[in-house]
Protein backbone atom coordinates (compact mmCIF):
# COMPACT_ATOMS: atom_id res chain seq x y z
CA MET A 1 -32.43 1.54 -30.50
CA GLN A 2 -32.20 -2.15 -29.45
CA PHE A 3 -33.33 -1.94 -25.98
CA GLN A 4 -35.92 -0.15 -23.87
CA TYR A 5 -35.57 1.05 -20.08
CA PRO A 6 -38.23 -0.54 -18.15
CA GLU A 7 -41.28 1.01 -16.44
CA LEU A 8 -40.74 1.06 -12.52
CA ASN A 9 -43.75 0.41 -10.04
CA ASN A 10 -45.12 3.05 -8.02
CA ILE A 11 -43.67 6.15 -9.97
CA ASP A 12 -45.78 9.42 -10.65
CA GLU A 13 -46.24 11.02 -13.84
CA ASP A 14 -43.33 13.50 -13.57
CA ASP A 15 -40.99 10.55 -13.29
CA LEU A 16 -42.40 9.13 -16.71
CA ASP A 17 -40.55 12.19 -18.44
CA PHE A 18 -37.28 10.59 -17.08
CA LEU A 19 -38.28 7.40 -18.75
CA GLU A 20 -38.94 8.92 -22.03
CA GLN A 21 -35.48 10.67 -22.15
CA LEU A 22 -33.91 7.47 -21.38
CA ASN A 23 -35.47 5.87 -24.02
CA GLN A 24 -34.15 8.32 -26.40
CA GLU A 25 -31.74 7.18 -29.33
CA ASP A 26 -29.42 9.96 -28.70
CA GLU A 27 -26.93 8.85 -26.06
CA LYS A 28 -26.44 12.59 -24.52
CA ARG A 29 -29.87 12.81 -23.87
CA ARG A 30 -29.69 9.59 -21.96
CA PHE A 31 -26.90 10.65 -20.00
CA ILE A 32 -28.26 14.09 -18.97
CA ALA A 33 -31.56 11.88 -18.06
CA LEU A 34 -29.34 9.88 -15.93
CA MET A 35 -27.88 12.60 -14.34
CA ASN A 36 -31.08 14.22 -13.36
CA ILE A 37 -32.36 11.09 -11.72
CA ALA A 38 -29.36 10.59 -10.00
CA ASP A 39 -29.69 14.21 -8.68
CA GLU A 40 -32.96 13.02 -7.05
CA GLU A 41 -31.43 10.68 -4.88
CA ARG A 42 -34.23 8.38 -4.56
CA GLU A 43 -34.22 4.85 -3.77
CA ASP A 44 -37.09 3.84 -5.79
CA LEU A 45 -35.16 5.25 -8.98
CA LEU A 46 -32.28 3.41 -8.61
CA PRO A 47 -33.20 0.57 -10.70
CA TRP A 48 -32.87 2.89 -13.87
CA LEU A 49 -29.33 3.42 -12.83
CA HIS A 50 -28.85 -0.48 -12.36
CA TYR A 51 -30.05 -1.07 -15.75
CA ALA A 52 -28.14 1.70 -17.28
CA LEU A 53 -24.85 0.36 -15.93
CA ALA A 54 -25.90 -3.31 -17.11
CA HIS A 55 -27.26 -2.82 -20.52
CA ASP A 56 -27.06 0.92 -21.98
CA PRO A 57 -24.79 0.45 -25.05
CA ALA A 58 -23.27 3.85 -24.56
CA SER A 59 -20.17 3.77 -22.49
CA LEU A 60 -20.79 7.41 -21.52
CA VAL A 61 -24.05 6.44 -19.96
CA ARG A 62 -22.53 3.20 -18.11
CA LEU A 63 -19.65 5.43 -16.89
CA GLU A 64 -22.19 8.12 -15.13
CA ALA A 65 -24.14 5.23 -13.55
CA ALA A 66 -21.00 3.72 -12.20
CA LYS A 67 -20.23 7.14 -10.83
CA ARG A 68 -23.26 8.12 -9.53
CA LEU A 69 -23.98 4.67 -7.70
CA GLU A 70 -20.95 5.44 -5.31
CA GLY A 71 -22.20 5.84 -1.71
CA TRP A 72 -25.33 3.43 -2.29
CA GLU A 73 -24.80 0.17 -0.37
CA ASP A 74 -28.16 -1.68 -0.87
CA PRO A 75 -27.56 -5.16 -2.35
CA TYR A 76 -28.93 -4.23 -5.74
CA SER A 77 -26.57 -1.25 -6.11
CA LEU A 78 -23.24 -3.42 -4.98
CA ASN A 79 -24.36 -6.24 -7.32
CA ALA A 80 -24.68 -3.76 -10.06
CA LEU A 81 -21.30 -2.32 -9.37
CA ALA A 82 -19.71 -5.76 -8.94
CA GLY A 83 -21.23 -6.71 -12.34
CA ALA A 84 -19.85 -3.78 -13.99
CA LEU A 85 -16.40 -4.91 -13.15
CA LEU A 86 -16.60 -7.19 -16.15
CA ASP A 87 -17.36 -4.41 -18.43
CA LEU A 88 -15.55 -4.00 -21.67
CA ASP A 89 -14.88 -0.21 -21.08
CA ALA A 90 -11.62 0.19 -18.97
CA GLU A 91 -13.03 3.59 -17.57
CA VAL A 92 -16.35 2.09 -16.57
CA VAL A 93 -14.59 -0.68 -14.58
CA ALA A 94 -12.44 1.81 -13.03
CA ALA A 95 -15.44 3.92 -12.03
CA ALA A 96 -17.27 0.86 -10.63
CA THR A 97 -14.10 -0.12 -8.73
CA GLN A 98 -13.81 3.34 -7.16
CA SER A 99 -17.83 3.35 -6.11
CA LEU A 100 -17.20 0.12 -4.54
CA SER A 101 -13.80 1.25 -2.56
CA GLU A 102 -16.02 3.78 -1.04
CA VAL A 103 -18.31 1.44 0.60
CA LYS A 104 -18.51 1.81 4.36
CA GLN A 105 -21.00 -0.33 6.09
CA ALA A 106 -19.89 -3.57 7.37
CA GLN A 107 -23.02 -5.53 6.38
CA SER A 108 -21.93 -4.81 2.95
CA ALA A 109 -19.01 -7.33 2.90
CA GLU A 110 -21.67 -10.36 3.00
CA VAL A 111 -22.68 -9.23 -0.47
CA LEU A 112 -19.36 -8.54 -1.84
CA VAL A 113 -17.44 -11.47 -0.46
CA GLY A 114 -19.36 -13.78 -2.84
CA TYR A 115 -17.77 -12.17 -6.08
CA LEU A 116 -14.29 -13.56 -4.81
CA ALA A 117 -15.47 -16.73 -6.38
CA LYS A 118 -15.11 -14.99 -9.96
CA GLU A 119 -12.15 -15.91 -11.85
CA GLU A 120 -11.45 -12.48 -13.31
CA THR A 121 -8.72 -10.51 -12.02
CA ALA A 122 -10.33 -7.26 -12.23
CA VAL A 123 -13.26 -8.55 -10.12
CA LYS A 124 -10.87 -9.98 -7.41
CA VAL A 125 -8.84 -6.98 -7.11
CA ALA A 126 -11.82 -4.40 -6.79
CA ILE A 127 -13.61 -6.76 -4.24
CA LEU A 128 -10.56 -7.36 -2.18
CA ARG A 129 -9.95 -3.40 -2.32
CA ALA A 130 -13.51 -2.86 -1.11
CA LEU A 131 -13.37 -5.35 1.74
CA LYS A 132 -10.20 -3.70 3.17
CA PRO A 133 -11.77 -0.83 5.16
CA LEU A 134 -14.78 -2.97 6.37
CA ARG A 135 -12.54 -5.02 8.41
CA ASP A 136 -15.13 -7.97 8.54
CA LEU A 137 -13.16 -10.64 10.34
CA SER A 138 -15.91 -13.04 9.52
CA PHE A 139 -14.38 -13.50 5.87
CA TYR A 140 -10.62 -13.82 6.95
CA GLN A 141 -10.51 -17.20 5.31
CA GLU A 142 -11.82 -16.11 2.10
CA ILE A 143 -9.32 -13.27 1.83
CA GLU A 144 -6.63 -15.58 3.00
CA LYS A 145 -7.16 -17.97 0.25
CA HIS A 146 -5.96 -15.40 -2.40
CA ILE A 147 -2.65 -14.42 -0.72
CA HIS A 148 -0.87 -17.10 -2.77
CA HIS A 149 -3.00 -16.47 -6.01
CA THR A 150 -1.18 -16.95 -9.19
CA ASP A 151 -2.15 -13.64 -10.63
CA VAL A 152 0.28 -10.94 -8.97
CA LEU A 153 -2.27 -8.30 -8.86
CA VAL A 154 -4.75 -10.34 -6.79
CA ARG A 155 -1.83 -11.56 -4.61
CA ARG A 156 -0.74 -7.96 -3.80
CA GLU A 157 -4.35 -6.93 -2.89
CA ALA A 158 -5.03 -9.96 -1.02
CA VAL A 159 -2.05 -9.33 1.14
CA SER A 160 -2.82 -5.78 1.55
CA THR A 161 -6.35 -6.66 2.82
CA LEU A 162 -5.05 -9.17 5.04
CA SER A 163 -2.67 -6.80 6.66
CA TRP A 164 -5.39 -4.23 7.37
CA LEU A 165 -7.36 -7.18 9.31
CA GLN A 166 -4.65 -6.75 11.79
CA GLN A 167 -5.02 -10.37 12.94
CA GLU A 168 -1.97 -12.23 14.81
CA GLN A 169 -3.00 -15.62 12.92
CA ALA A 170 -1.76 -13.69 9.63
CA VAL A 171 1.72 -13.08 11.10
CA SER A 172 3.38 -16.39 9.91
CA SER A 173 1.78 -15.90 6.26
CA LEU A 174 2.76 -12.48 6.28
CA SER A 175 6.23 -13.23 7.47
CA GLN A 176 6.96 -15.90 4.65
CA ILE A 177 5.28 -13.72 1.97
CA ALA A 178 7.89 -10.77 3.03
CA ARG A 179 10.86 -13.29 2.67
CA ASN A 180 9.71 -15.34 -0.19
CA ASP A 181 7.21 -14.04 -2.61
CA PRO A 182 8.82 -13.74 -6.15
CA ASP A 183 7.17 -10.41 -6.72
CA LEU A 184 8.97 -7.47 -4.94
CA GLU A 185 6.03 -5.12 -4.62
CA THR A 186 4.02 -8.21 -2.59
CA ARG A 187 7.08 -8.66 -0.39
CA ARG A 188 7.01 -4.93 0.40
CA ILE A 189 3.15 -4.93 1.14
CA ALA A 190 3.85 -8.02 3.29
CA THR A 191 6.61 -6.19 5.15
CA GLY A 192 4.52 -2.97 5.65
CA GLY A 193 1.82 -5.31 6.88
CA LEU A 194 3.93 -6.59 9.41
CA GLY A 195 3.78 -3.30 11.32
CA TYR A 196 0.47 -4.09 12.45
CA VAL A 197 1.35 -6.98 14.69
CA LYS A 198 1.49 -6.75 18.50
CA GLN A 199 4.46 -8.76 19.42
CA ALA A 200 7.85 -9.23 17.87
CA HIS A 201 7.65 -12.74 16.92
CA PRO A 202 10.89 -14.43 16.02
CA GLU A 203 9.63 -14.79 12.38
CA VAL A 204 8.75 -11.26 12.07
CA ILE A 205 12.27 -10.22 13.06
CA ASP A 206 13.95 -12.73 10.50
CA ALA A 207 11.50 -11.36 7.70
CA LEU A 208 12.54 -7.57 8.58
CA ALA A 209 16.15 -8.51 8.55
CA TYR A 210 16.02 -10.18 5.47
CA GLY A 211 14.18 -7.17 3.95
CA LEU A 212 17.00 -4.63 5.39
CA ALA A 213 19.59 -6.89 3.35
CA SER A 214 17.47 -6.90 0.26
CA GLN A 215 18.95 -5.74 -3.14
CA ASP A 216 15.47 -3.77 -3.63
CA TRP A 217 15.80 -0.21 -2.02
CA GLN A 218 12.21 0.06 -1.67
CA LEU A 219 11.96 -3.13 0.21
CA ARG A 220 14.85 -1.69 2.57
CA VAL A 221 12.93 1.45 2.93
CA GLU A 222 9.73 -0.58 3.97
CA SER A 223 11.55 -3.15 6.29
CA ALA A 224 13.31 -0.14 8.07
CA LEU A 225 10.22 1.96 8.75
CA THR A 226 8.18 -1.40 9.98
CA ILE A 227 11.03 -1.95 12.59
CA GLY A 228 10.34 1.75 13.82
CA LYS A 229 6.84 1.25 14.07
CA LEU A 230 7.37 -2.06 16.26
CA LYS A 231 10.46 -0.29 18.04
CA LEU A 232 12.43 -3.23 17.55
CA ALA A 233 15.80 -2.55 19.31
CA SER A 234 17.16 -5.94 18.43
CA LEU A 235 17.52 -4.81 14.71
CA GLU A 236 19.32 -1.69 15.71
CA GLU A 237 22.71 -2.87 14.58
CA ASN A 238 21.28 -3.84 11.17
CA LEU A 239 19.66 -0.19 11.07
CA VAL A 240 22.72 1.57 12.01
CA GLU A 241 24.69 -0.29 8.81
CA LEU A 242 22.15 1.31 6.47
CA LEU A 243 22.94 4.56 7.75
CA TYR A 244 25.74 4.60 4.71
CA ASP A 245 23.11 3.26 2.12
CA THR A 246 23.75 4.33 -1.22
CA TYR A 247 19.89 5.57 -1.56
CA TRP A 248 19.23 8.61 0.33
CA GLN A 249 15.53 7.29 0.60
CA VAL A 250 16.65 4.25 2.62
CA ARG A 251 18.61 6.56 4.87
CA ILE A 252 15.57 8.55 5.90
CA ALA A 253 13.68 5.59 6.67
CA VAL A 254 16.47 4.29 8.73
CA VAL A 255 17.20 7.71 10.61
CA ARG A 256 13.52 7.95 11.49
CA SER A 257 13.41 4.31 12.85
CA LEU A 258 16.57 4.95 14.92
CA GLY A 259 15.01 8.11 16.31
CA LEU A 260 11.98 6.04 17.44
CA ILE A 261 14.17 3.35 19.15
CA LYS A 262 16.27 5.86 20.88
CA SER A 263 19.63 4.30 19.51
CA LYS A 264 22.79 5.63 21.23
CA GLN A 265 24.71 3.06 18.75
CA ALA A 266 23.39 5.70 15.96
CA LEU A 267 25.17 8.81 16.91
CA ASP A 268 28.30 8.62 14.76
CA GLY A 269 26.22 7.63 11.61
CA LEU A 270 23.78 10.40 12.17
CA ALA A 271 26.68 12.82 12.53
CA HIS A 272 27.81 11.79 9.12
CA ASN A 273 24.28 12.40 7.69
CA PHE A 274 24.12 15.66 9.11
CA ASP A 275 26.51 16.80 6.22
CA PHE A 276 24.49 15.13 3.51
CA GLU A 277 23.42 17.40 0.64
CA ILE A 278 19.65 16.37 0.87
CA SER A 279 17.79 18.58 3.18
CA ASN A 280 15.21 16.26 3.88
CA LEU A 281 17.60 13.80 5.34
CA ARG A 282 19.28 16.38 7.57
CA LYS A 283 15.90 17.19 8.75
CA GLU A 284 15.31 13.78 9.86
CA VAL A 285 18.62 13.67 11.64
CA ALA A 286 17.79 16.63 13.60
CA LEU A 287 14.58 15.11 14.78
CA ALA A 288 16.06 11.59 15.47
CA LEU A 289 18.65 13.23 17.67
CA GLY A 290 16.09 15.09 19.61
CA GLU A 291 14.07 11.72 20.10
CA ILE A 292 17.39 9.99 21.28
CA GLY A 293 18.65 12.89 23.50
CA GLY A 294 21.74 13.11 25.60
CA ASN A 295 24.70 15.56 25.62
CA GLN A 296 26.41 14.10 22.29
CA ALA A 297 22.80 14.81 20.54
CA LYS A 298 22.34 18.22 21.91
CA GLN A 299 26.12 19.11 20.93
CA LEU A 300 25.57 17.69 17.21
CA LEU A 301 22.41 19.72 16.75
CA GLN A 302 24.01 22.95 18.20
CA ASN A 303 26.86 22.47 15.81
CA HIS A 304 24.43 22.53 13.03
CA ALA A 305 22.19 25.18 14.33
CA ASP A 306 23.21 27.36 11.12
CA ASP A 307 22.10 24.87 8.49
CA PRO A 308 21.19 26.68 5.15
CA ASP A 309 17.79 25.11 4.80
CA PRO A 310 15.02 26.76 7.15
CA GLU A 311 13.30 23.43 7.43
CA VAL A 312 16.33 21.90 8.81
CA ARG A 313 16.90 24.78 11.25
CA LYS A 314 13.20 24.61 12.53
CA ALA A 315 13.80 20.71 12.97
CA ILE A 316 16.90 21.35 15.02
CA ARG A 317 15.00 23.68 17.28
CA ILE A 318 12.60 20.90 17.67
CA GLY A 319 15.05 18.53 18.32
CA LEU A 320 16.83 20.64 21.22
CA GLY A 321 13.17 21.43 22.53
CA LEU A 322 12.78 17.53 22.77
CA ILE A 323 16.21 17.18 24.62
CA LEU A 324 15.21 19.93 26.97
CA GLU A 325 11.96 18.18 27.82
CA GLN A 326 13.71 15.04 28.32
CA ALA A 327 16.07 16.86 30.65
CA SER A 328 13.33 18.33 32.75
CA ALA A 329 11.49 15.01 33.24
CA GLU A 330 14.55 13.52 34.92
C-alpha cells in the first residue's frame, strides 16, 4: 500500500484494532473497519473518517466515509465533505453532496460559505444547496453574487437559495430573472421564488403575467401557482384565459389559483373543464367551485354529483360542504 492511516491521540488498545484493519491492503477490510468505526459515533475517531474520505485509494471506502459523515457538523467534518466535492468518483461527490444537504445548524453556514469562492461547478452547487435550509441572512450577498453565474447549474441553485431567504430585497432580481434568464428552468425557479414575497410589487405582477404568456407550459404552470399563492386578483383575467390551455397540467394550476382568489369570472370556464377527460382536473374544478361559492357554483357541483370517478365525487361533496359553510357564516 502507498499510504497508512495515522495514529490518533488518546485512543485505547481496542481502538488499535481499528487502525490495524484500516491499514490492510484489502479494501473490503478497510470498508468494514470504517463501518465499525462510524457505528461507534465517537468524535475522537472522526479523523479516520476524514482521512479515508480524502486519501483512501478505494472509492468504495471514500463513498462510505462520505455517507457516514452525514449528521456531523463540526468544522473538520464539514471541510472534509466540502473537499470531497472534488473527488474523481461521481458517487463519492453525490454522497458528499447529500451529507452536506442534511446540515441543520445555522453556525455551519460560516464554514460552508467560504467554498463558494471555488471555481468548480460541483462545489458551488453543493454548497448553495447546503446553505438553502440554513437561511443565514448574513451571507445574502455571497449567494446573490451567483444568481447571474455563467454556469446554468450554479445559477439555478443560487436563485433557488435566494428564494428561500424570503427577502424583499430579492424581489427585483427574481422578477428580472423570471422574465429574462435564457434558461427556462432558472426562470421557473425564480417565478416560484416570487411566491415568497409579502407584497404584490408591480414588477412581480409583470413577471407573472409574462410567465403566463410563455410558450413553455411548465413556466405557465409555475406562474399560475405563484399567482394563487399571492392571491393576485389583478391577474384574474389572465388566468381565466388559460382555462382553455392545450395542456391540462396548466389548467389544473390555473383552476387551483382561481379558486384561491375566489374568481366569479371563472365560472363559465370551470363549467367547461368539468367535462374534461382528466379526472384530476375535474377534482380541482370541484374544489375551486367550493372555494368560490355562490348559487351558480353550487348548481354546477350538483349537476356533476354522479361523476364516474370516486375521487371527483368526494371533491364535489367537499365543495358543496364549503359552500354550505360560507352560507352559514353569512
